[in-house]
Amino acid sequence: MKRANLNNGNVWVTREQIALHFGFSVRTVANLQRRRVMPFVKVGRLVRFNLNKCEQALLKFETKSIFDV
């Protein structure tokens, strides 16, 4: 499976590529898509994810350490 070209910030990738990028399973990406956590574009049966927007969406779930001042 090919890895997406990450040089450009506006990269559109498949479910498999986004799973590979984040280290998730394809099923996890599908669940995040279904729950509308991960933004996507769907045209017919074609589904694509914007890599930048997905990274920003997942940062909302980031937790801070109790040791951070």
N, C-alpha and C. Protein backbone atom coordinates (compact mmCIF):
# COMPACT_ATOMS: atom_id res chain seq x y z
N MET A 1 0.84 -1.17 0.00
CA MET A 1 0.00 0.00 0.00
C MET A 1 0.89 1.24 0.00
N LYS A 2 0.56 2.20 -0.83
CA LYS A 2 1.36 3.41 -0.94
C LYS A 2 1.05 4.37 0.20
N ARG A 3 2.05 5.07 0.62
CA ARG A 3 1.87 6.12 1.63
C ARG A 3 1.63 7.44 0.92
N ALA A 4 0.77 8.28 1.47
CA ALA A 4 0.41 9.55 0.84
C ALA A 4 1.60 10.51 0.83
N ASN A 5 1.65 11.36 -0.18
CA ASN A 5 2.65 12.40 -0.26
C ASN A 5 2.27 13.48 0.74
N LEU A 6 3.08 13.66 1.79
CA LEU A 6 2.72 14.56 2.88
C LEU A 6 3.36 15.93 2.76
N ASN A 7 4.01 16.23 1.63
CA ASN A 7 4.68 17.51 1.48
C ASN A 7 3.68 18.65 1.39
N ASN A 8 2.57 18.44 0.72
CA ASN A 8 1.55 19.45 0.54
C ASN A 8 0.54 19.32 1.68
N GLY A 9 0.12 20.46 2.25
CA GLY A 9 -0.82 20.42 3.36
C GLY A 9 -2.22 20.01 2.95
N ASN A 10 -2.56 20.16 1.69
CA ASN A 10 -3.91 19.86 1.22
C ASN A 10 -3.93 18.52 0.50
N VAL A 11 -3.70 17.46 1.26
CA VAL A 11 -3.60 16.12 0.71
C VAL A 11 -4.89 15.37 0.97
N TRP A 12 -5.45 14.77 -0.07
CA TRP A 12 -6.66 13.95 0.05
C TRP A 12 -6.26 12.50 -0.04
N VAL A 13 -6.66 11.71 0.97
CA VAL A 13 -6.23 10.32 1.04
C VAL A 13 -7.42 9.39 1.25
N THR A 14 -7.19 8.12 1.01
CA THR A 14 -8.22 7.10 1.19
C THR A 14 -8.29 6.67 2.65
N ARG A 15 -9.27 5.87 2.97
CA ARG A 15 -9.43 5.35 4.34
C ARG A 15 -8.21 4.52 4.73
N GLU A 16 -7.70 3.73 3.81
CA GLU A 16 -6.53 2.89 4.11
C GLU A 16 -5.29 3.75 4.36
N GLN A 17 -5.12 4.81 3.58
CA GLN A 17 -3.95 5.68 3.74
C GLN A 17 -4.01 6.46 5.05
N ILE A 18 -5.20 6.93 5.42
CA ILE A 18 -5.32 7.68 6.68
C ILE A 18 -5.09 6.75 7.87
N ALA A 19 -5.54 5.50 7.76
CA ALA A 19 -5.29 4.51 8.82
C ALA A 19 -3.79 4.25 8.95
N LEU A 20 -3.11 4.11 7.84
CA LEU A 20 -1.66 3.88 7.86
C LEU A 20 -0.93 5.08 8.45
N HIS A 21 -1.35 6.28 8.10
CA HIS A 21 -0.70 7.50 8.57
C HIS A 21 -0.79 7.63 10.10
N PHE A 22 -1.98 7.38 10.66
CA PHE A 22 -2.18 7.54 12.10
C PHE A 22 -1.90 6.27 12.90
N GLY A 23 -1.71 5.15 12.22
CA GLY A 23 -1.47 3.90 12.92
C GLY A 23 -2.74 3.29 13.47
N PHE A 24 -3.87 3.63 12.87
CA PHE A 24 -5.17 3.08 13.25
C PHE A 24 -5.49 1.90 12.33
N SER A 25 -6.46 1.12 12.73
CA SER A 25 -6.98 0.11 11.82
C SER A 25 -7.98 0.80 10.88
N VAL A 26 -8.26 0.18 9.75
CA VAL A 26 -9.23 0.72 8.80
C VAL A 26 -10.61 0.77 9.45
N ARG A 27 -10.89 -0.21 10.28
CA ARG A 27 -12.19 -0.24 10.96
C ARG A 27 -12.33 0.94 11.94
N THR A 28 -11.26 1.31 12.62
CA THR A 28 -11.30 2.46 13.52
C THR A 28 -11.57 3.74 12.75
N VAL A 29 -10.92 3.90 11.59
CA VAL A 29 -11.17 5.08 10.76
C VAL A 29 -12.62 5.10 10.30
N ALA A 30 -13.15 3.95 9.92
CA ALA A 30 -14.55 3.87 9.50
C ALA A 30 -15.48 4.26 10.66
N ASN A 31 -15.15 3.84 11.88
CA ASN A 31 -15.96 4.21 13.04
C ASN A 31 -15.88 5.70 13.33
N LEU A 32 -14.69 6.27 13.22
CA LEU A 32 -14.54 7.71 13.42
C LEU A 32 -15.28 8.49 12.35
N GLN A 33 -15.28 7.98 11.15
CA GLN A 33 -16.02 8.59 10.04
C GLN A 33 -17.52 8.52 10.32
N ARG A 34 -18.00 7.38 10.74
CA ARG A 34 -19.42 7.18 11.01
C ARG A 34 -19.90 8.08 12.14
N ARG A 35 -19.04 8.27 13.17
CA ARG A 35 -19.40 9.12 14.30
C ARG A 35 -19.17 10.60 14.01
N ARG A 36 -18.69 10.92 12.81
CA ARG A 36 -18.43 12.30 12.38
C ARG A 36 -17.32 12.96 13.19
N VAL A 37 -16.37 12.16 13.69
CA VAL A 37 -15.22 12.70 14.40
C VAL A 37 -14.18 13.14 13.38
N MET A 38 -13.98 12.33 12.37
CA MET A 38 -13.00 12.60 11.33
C MET A 38 -13.72 13.14 10.10
N PRO A 39 -13.38 14.37 9.67
CA PRO A 39 -14.06 14.96 8.52
C PRO A 39 -13.69 14.23 7.22
N PHE A 40 -14.64 14.16 6.30
CA PHE A 40 -14.42 13.48 5.03
C PHE A 40 -15.32 14.08 3.97
N VAL A 41 -15.02 13.74 2.73
CA VAL A 41 -15.83 14.15 1.58
C VAL A 41 -16.26 12.87 0.89
N LYS A 42 -17.54 12.81 0.55
CA LYS A 42 -18.06 11.62 -0.12
C LYS A 42 -18.78 12.05 -1.39
N VAL A 43 -18.38 11.48 -2.51
CA VAL A 43 -19.03 11.71 -3.80
C VAL A 43 -19.41 10.33 -4.32
N GLY A 44 -20.70 10.04 -4.30
CA GLY A 44 -21.13 8.69 -4.66
C GLY A 44 -20.62 7.73 -3.60
N ARG A 45 -19.85 6.74 -4.04
CA ARG A 45 -19.25 5.79 -3.10
C ARG A 45 -17.79 6.11 -2.81
N LEU A 46 -17.26 7.16 -3.44
CA LEU A 46 -15.87 7.57 -3.25
C LEU A 46 -15.74 8.41 -1.98
N VAL A 47 -14.89 7.98 -1.06
CA VAL A 47 -14.67 8.70 0.20
C VAL A 47 -13.21 9.10 0.28
N ARG A 48 -12.97 10.38 0.60
CA ARG A 48 -11.62 10.89 0.76
C ARG A 48 -11.54 11.74 2.02
N PHE A 49 -10.35 11.74 2.62
CA PHE A 49 -10.10 12.49 3.85
C PHE A 49 -9.01 13.52 3.58
N ASN A 50 -9.22 14.75 4.09
CA ASN A 50 -8.19 15.78 4.01
C ASN A 50 -7.28 15.57 5.21
N LEU A 51 -6.01 15.33 4.95
CA LEU A 51 -5.07 14.95 6.00
C LEU A 51 -4.94 16.05 7.05
N ASN A 52 -4.82 17.31 6.63
CA ASN A 52 -4.70 18.42 7.57
C ASN A 52 -5.90 18.52 8.49
N LYS A 53 -7.08 18.45 7.92
CA LYS A 53 -8.31 18.59 8.72
C LYS A 53 -8.47 17.42 9.68
N CYS A 54 -8.06 16.24 9.27
CA CYS A 54 -8.15 15.08 10.15
C CYS A 54 -7.18 15.21 11.33
N GLU A 55 -5.98 15.71 11.06
CA GLU A 55 -5.01 15.92 12.14
C GLU A 55 -5.56 16.93 13.15
N GLN A 56 -6.14 18.03 12.65
CA GLN A 56 -6.71 19.04 13.53
C GLN A 56 -7.89 18.48 14.33
N ALA A 57 -8.72 17.67 13.69
CA ALA A 57 -9.87 17.09 14.36
C ALA A 57 -9.43 16.17 15.50
N LEU A 58 -8.37 15.41 15.28
CA LEU A 58 -7.91 14.48 16.31
C LEU A 58 -7.20 15.20 17.44
N LEU A 59 -6.66 16.40 17.19
CA LEU A 59 -6.01 17.17 18.26
C LEU A 59 -7.01 17.61 19.33
N LYS A 60 -8.28 17.63 19.00
CA LYS A 60 -9.30 17.99 19.99
C LYS A 60 -9.35 16.96 21.12
N PHE A 61 -8.85 15.77 20.87
CA PHE A 61 -8.87 14.70 21.86
C PHE A 61 -7.56 14.60 22.64
N GLU A 62 -6.64 15.51 22.37
CA GLU A 62 -5.35 15.50 23.05
C GLU A 62 -5.54 15.89 24.51
N THR A 63 -4.88 15.16 25.40
CA THR A 63 -4.93 15.48 26.82
C THR A 63 -3.59 16.04 27.24
N LYS A 64 -3.64 16.93 28.18
CA LYS A 64 -2.43 17.56 28.70
C LYS A 64 -1.96 16.79 29.94
N SER A 65 -0.67 16.79 30.14
CA SER A 65 -0.11 16.15 31.31
C SER A 65 -0.40 17.01 32.55
N ILE A 66 -0.54 16.38 33.68
CA ILE A 66 -0.75 17.14 34.91
C ILE A 66 0.52 17.88 35.32
N PHE A 67 1.65 17.53 34.71
CA PHE A 67 2.91 18.16 35.03
C PHE A 67 3.19 19.38 34.16
N ASP A 68 2.35 19.63 33.15
CA ASP A 68 2.52 20.82 32.31
C ASP A 68 2.10 22.04 33.11
N VAL A 69 2.92 23.04 33.02
CA VAL A 69 2.61 24.27 33.76
C VAL A 69 1.89 25.25 32.89
